[in-house]
Structure formats: structure tokens, C-alpha cells
Amino acid sequence: MATTNHKSRIMGAVLSRFRVIDLTPPSNLDWINRAKEILEAEGLSPTHQDVAMMLQSFDGSARDLIDLIEETVMASKAVTP
């Protein structure tokens, strides 16, 4: 098993040994509920609208989403005494 975002860069001889499954990345709307759950687990109380606004211009991967959420939590804790 392997994952990549750059299937076209893999040599055909190697690629032929895998079963290729193309996945459509989730949209920002797909991430709202999960991001809200994580933020709440970190002690924040965002509304659905707050999270939707946070993700409005987000265009990264799931890994990037985790980074964004961590930055949001850290920024919130820096402001809250």
C-alpha cells in the first residue's frame, strides 16, 4: 500500500504493481464538523459559523488542517489568561 498526490510522477513499471484508487479530496464543508469537534475537545467553544469562517479560504490537505487547528488553539490559549 502507498499513497501519493503525484501519481503521474511514479514510473509505470512501479505503478502497474499497485491497484490505483483516485480519491476526491474533501471540501471545506466536509471538514467543519470534525474541526469543530477537535476545537471543542481542546476547550474552545466555536459555533458552526465560526469554524466555517475559519475554513472559508482553506485549501490544504488534512495534514494542513491539523496545523491550522493547532495554530488556532495555540493562539486562543495565548489570548486567554
C-alpha atoms as a PDB file:
ATOM      1  CA  MET A   1       0.000   0.000   0.000  1.00  0.00           C
ATOM      2  CA  ALA A   2       1.165   3.529  -0.757  1.00  0.00           C
ATOM      3  CA  THR A   3      -0.339   6.976  -1.048  1.00  0.00           C
ATOM      4  CA  THR A   4       0.640   9.917  -3.192  1.00  0.00           C
ATOM      5  CA  ASN A   5      -0.759  13.119  -4.586  1.00  0.00           C
ATOM      6  CA  HIS A   6       1.533  12.779  -7.605  1.00  0.00           C
ATOM      7  CA  LYS A   7       0.563   9.561  -9.343  1.00  0.00           C
ATOM      8  CA  SER A   8       1.917  10.889 -12.644  1.00  0.00           C
ATOM      9  CA  ARG A   9       5.452  11.045 -11.200  1.00  0.00           C
ATOM     10  CA  ILE A  10       5.613   7.314 -10.471  1.00  0.00           C
ATOM     11  CA  MET A  11       7.270   5.087 -13.057  1.00  0.00           C
ATOM     12  CA  GLY A  12       4.759   2.988 -14.976  1.00  0.00           C
ATOM     13  CA  ALA A  13       6.520  -0.265 -14.052  1.00  0.00           C
ATOM     14  CA  VAL A  14       6.100   0.547 -10.358  1.00  0.00           C
ATOM     15  CA  LEU A  15       2.582   1.919 -10.723  1.00  0.00           C
ATOM     16  CA  SER A  16       1.429  -1.257 -12.501  1.00  0.00           C
ATOM     17  CA  ARG A  17       2.094  -3.204  -9.288  1.00  0.00           C
ATOM     18  CA  PHE A  18      -0.498  -1.227  -7.363  1.00  0.00           C
ATOM     19  CA  ARG A  19      -4.239  -1.006  -7.510  1.00  0.00           C
ATOM     20  CA  VAL A  20      -4.853   2.703  -8.119  1.00  0.00           C
ATOM     21  CA  ILE A  21      -7.779   4.354  -6.380  1.00  0.00           C
ATOM     22  CA  ASP A  22      -8.361   8.027  -7.137  1.00  0.00           C
ATOM     23  CA  LEU A  23      -9.988   9.892  -4.271  1.00  0.00           C
ATOM     24  CA  THR A  24     -11.643  13.259  -4.399  1.00  0.00           C
ATOM     25  CA  PRO A  25     -10.361  15.444  -1.573  1.00  0.00           C
ATOM     26  CA  PRO A  26     -12.972  16.540   0.976  1.00  0.00           C
ATOM     27  CA  SER A  27     -14.383  20.027   0.573  1.00  0.00           C
ATOM     28  CA  ASN A  28     -14.088  22.625   3.319  1.00  0.00           C
ATOM     29  CA  LEU A  29     -17.719  21.957   4.242  1.00  0.00           C
ATOM     30  CA  ASP A  30     -16.815  18.317   4.833  1.00  0.00           C
ATOM     31  CA  TRP A  31     -14.269  19.361   7.473  1.00  0.00           C
ATOM     32  CA  ILE A  32     -16.458  21.723   9.533  1.00  0.00           C
ATOM     33  CA  ASN A  33     -17.940  19.191  11.963  1.00  0.00           C
ATOM     34  CA  ARG A  34     -14.628  17.399  12.548  1.00  0.00           C
ATOM     35  CA  ALA A  35     -12.711  20.647  13.054  1.00  0.00           C
ATOM     36  CA  LYS A  36     -15.399  21.841  15.481  1.00  0.00           C
ATOM     37  CA  GLU A  37     -15.141  18.592  17.478  1.00  0.00           C
ATOM     38  CA  ILE A  38     -11.365  18.928  17.753  1.00  0.00           C
ATOM     39  CA  LEU A  39     -11.584  22.576  18.811  1.00  0.00           C
ATOM     40  CA  GLU A  40     -14.186  21.693  21.441  1.00  0.00           C
ATOM     41  CA  ALA A  41     -12.004  18.847  22.736  1.00  0.00           C
ATOM     42  CA  GLU A  42      -9.264  21.458  23.178  1.00  0.00           C
ATOM     43  CA  GLY A  43     -11.549  23.542  25.387  1.00  0.00           C
ATOM     44  CA  LEU A  44     -12.808  26.065  22.834  1.00  0.00           C
ATOM     45  CA  SER A  45     -16.474  26.756  22.089  1.00  0.00           C
ATOM     46  CA  PRO A  46     -16.693  27.703  18.400  1.00  0.00           C
ATOM     47  CA  THR A  47     -20.012  27.921  16.620  1.00  0.00           C
ATOM     48  CA  HIS A  48     -20.602  26.122  13.340  1.00  0.00           C
ATOM     49  CA  GLN A  49     -20.364  29.543  11.669  1.00  0.00           C
ATOM     50  CA  ASP A  50     -17.021  30.303  13.382  1.00  0.00           C
ATOM     51  CA  VAL A  51     -15.485  27.112  12.026  1.00  0.00           C
ATOM     52  CA  ALA A  52     -16.991  27.658   8.573  1.00  0.00           C
ATOM     53  CA  MET A  53     -15.411  31.121   8.505  1.00  0.00           C
ATOM     54  CA  MET A  54     -12.062  29.723   9.667  1.00  0.00           C
ATOM     55  CA  LEU A  55     -12.134  27.228   6.792  1.00  0.00           C
ATOM     56  CA  GLN A  56     -13.501  29.660   4.193  1.00  0.00           C
ATOM     57  CA  SER A  57     -10.182  30.199   2.419  1.00  0.00           C
ATOM     58  CA  PHE A  58      -8.531  26.925   3.490  1.00  0.00           C
ATOM     59  CA  ASP A  59      -7.206  24.904   0.537  1.00  0.00           C
ATOM     60  CA  GLY A  60      -4.789  22.433   2.093  1.00  0.00           C
ATOM     61  CA  SER A  61      -4.683  18.749   2.932  1.00  0.00           C
ATOM     62  CA  ALA A  62      -5.847  17.006   6.096  1.00  0.00           C
ATOM     63  CA  ARG A  63      -2.329  17.478   7.482  1.00  0.00           C
ATOM     64  CA  ASP A  64      -2.583  21.198   6.794  1.00  0.00           C
ATOM     65  CA  LEU A  65      -5.971  21.257   8.522  1.00  0.00           C
ATOM     66  CA  ILE A  66      -4.435  19.816  11.690  1.00  0.00           C
ATOM     67  CA  ASP A  67      -1.776  22.533  11.573  1.00  0.00           C
ATOM     68  CA  LEU A  68      -4.463  25.218  11.175  1.00  0.00           C
ATOM     69  CA  ILE A  69      -6.427  23.831  14.117  1.00  0.00           C
ATOM     70  CA  GLU A  70      -3.303  23.639  16.285  1.00  0.00           C
ATOM     71  CA  GLU A  71      -2.411  27.235  15.418  1.00  0.00           C
ATOM     72  CA  THR A  72      -5.962  28.306  16.285  1.00  0.00           C
ATOM     73  CA  VAL A  73      -5.830  26.532  19.652  1.00  0.00           C
ATOM     74  CA  MET A  74      -2.397  27.955  20.495  1.00  0.00           C
ATOM     75  CA  ALA A  75      -3.479  31.482  19.504  1.00  0.00           C
ATOM     76  CA  SER A  76      -6.605  31.152  21.639  1.00  0.00           C
ATOM     77  CA  LYS A  77      -4.596  29.992  24.653  1.00  0.00           C
ATOM     78  CA  ALA A  78      -2.147  32.871  24.191  1.00  0.00           C
ATOM     79  CA  VAL A  79      -5.022  35.378  24.357  1.00  0.00           C
ATOM     80  CA  THR A  80      -6.869  33.661  27.224  1.00  0.00           C
ATOM     81  CA  PRO A  81      -5.188  34.209  30.617  1.00  0.00           C
END
